Amino acid sequence: MKKFLSIFVFIFLGTFVSNAQFEFKPGVRGGLNLSKITNLDADSKTDFFVGGQFELKFVKFYSLQPELTYSRQGFKTPNDSYSLDYLSVGITNKFTFGGGFNVLVGPTIDVKVGDNFPTVLSDELIGFDFALMGGIGYTFKNGLAVDVRFKQGIVDVFGDNYNEYNDENGNGNFDEVKLNSLFQFGVSYSFDLK
């Protein structure tokens, strides 16, 4: 049985590797952010993101796309606009279906590089965020691509522990958790090095 399983795995991997179409395509990306912080009485803020990407295409339907992005996020109140600026490192898994349609999903690690909060609030801001991203897009044959993504942070921007939102009976009250939440509308271009 072990011999049969070994032969099957060897044939499967051999077929997979022989059909692999490994490609490396560096590129640039940028676009519009529509961001807010959850559980704040505030409006969404419109700003931008810009960065680079490195698409590693392993097979026709799957690419791994590391990304480095500068992203301006935050929220608006009736009197002011507050920004949180992040340098974001993302690992996007890109699944391509029929033509150039694709589904995007992956994690990001965001490091805060600036903000315009008043000093008393700025001192409370945590310096990083972890987020999960999902989206859809379309890639044209010339390397131009468009996508729409939703990105949800999972770390309270003020660094509060989730346990701090429990009441005296241990019941979670997550109505106060302050998380980054944003939609990204992006355009990118990948350079064909062939």
Foldseek 3Di string as FASTA:
>chain_A
DVVVVVVVVVVVVVVLQVQWDWFKWKKKKKFKKFKEWALDPFHTDIDMKIWIWIWTGTHPFKIWIWIWMWDWGYTHHPVGTKTWIWTKIWTWIWGADDAFKIKIWTKIKIATPDIDDPPVQVVQFDGIWIKIKIWIKGAHPQQKIKIKMKIKTDAQRSRDDQQVQADPVRDGDCSRRIIMIIMTTMMMGIDGPD
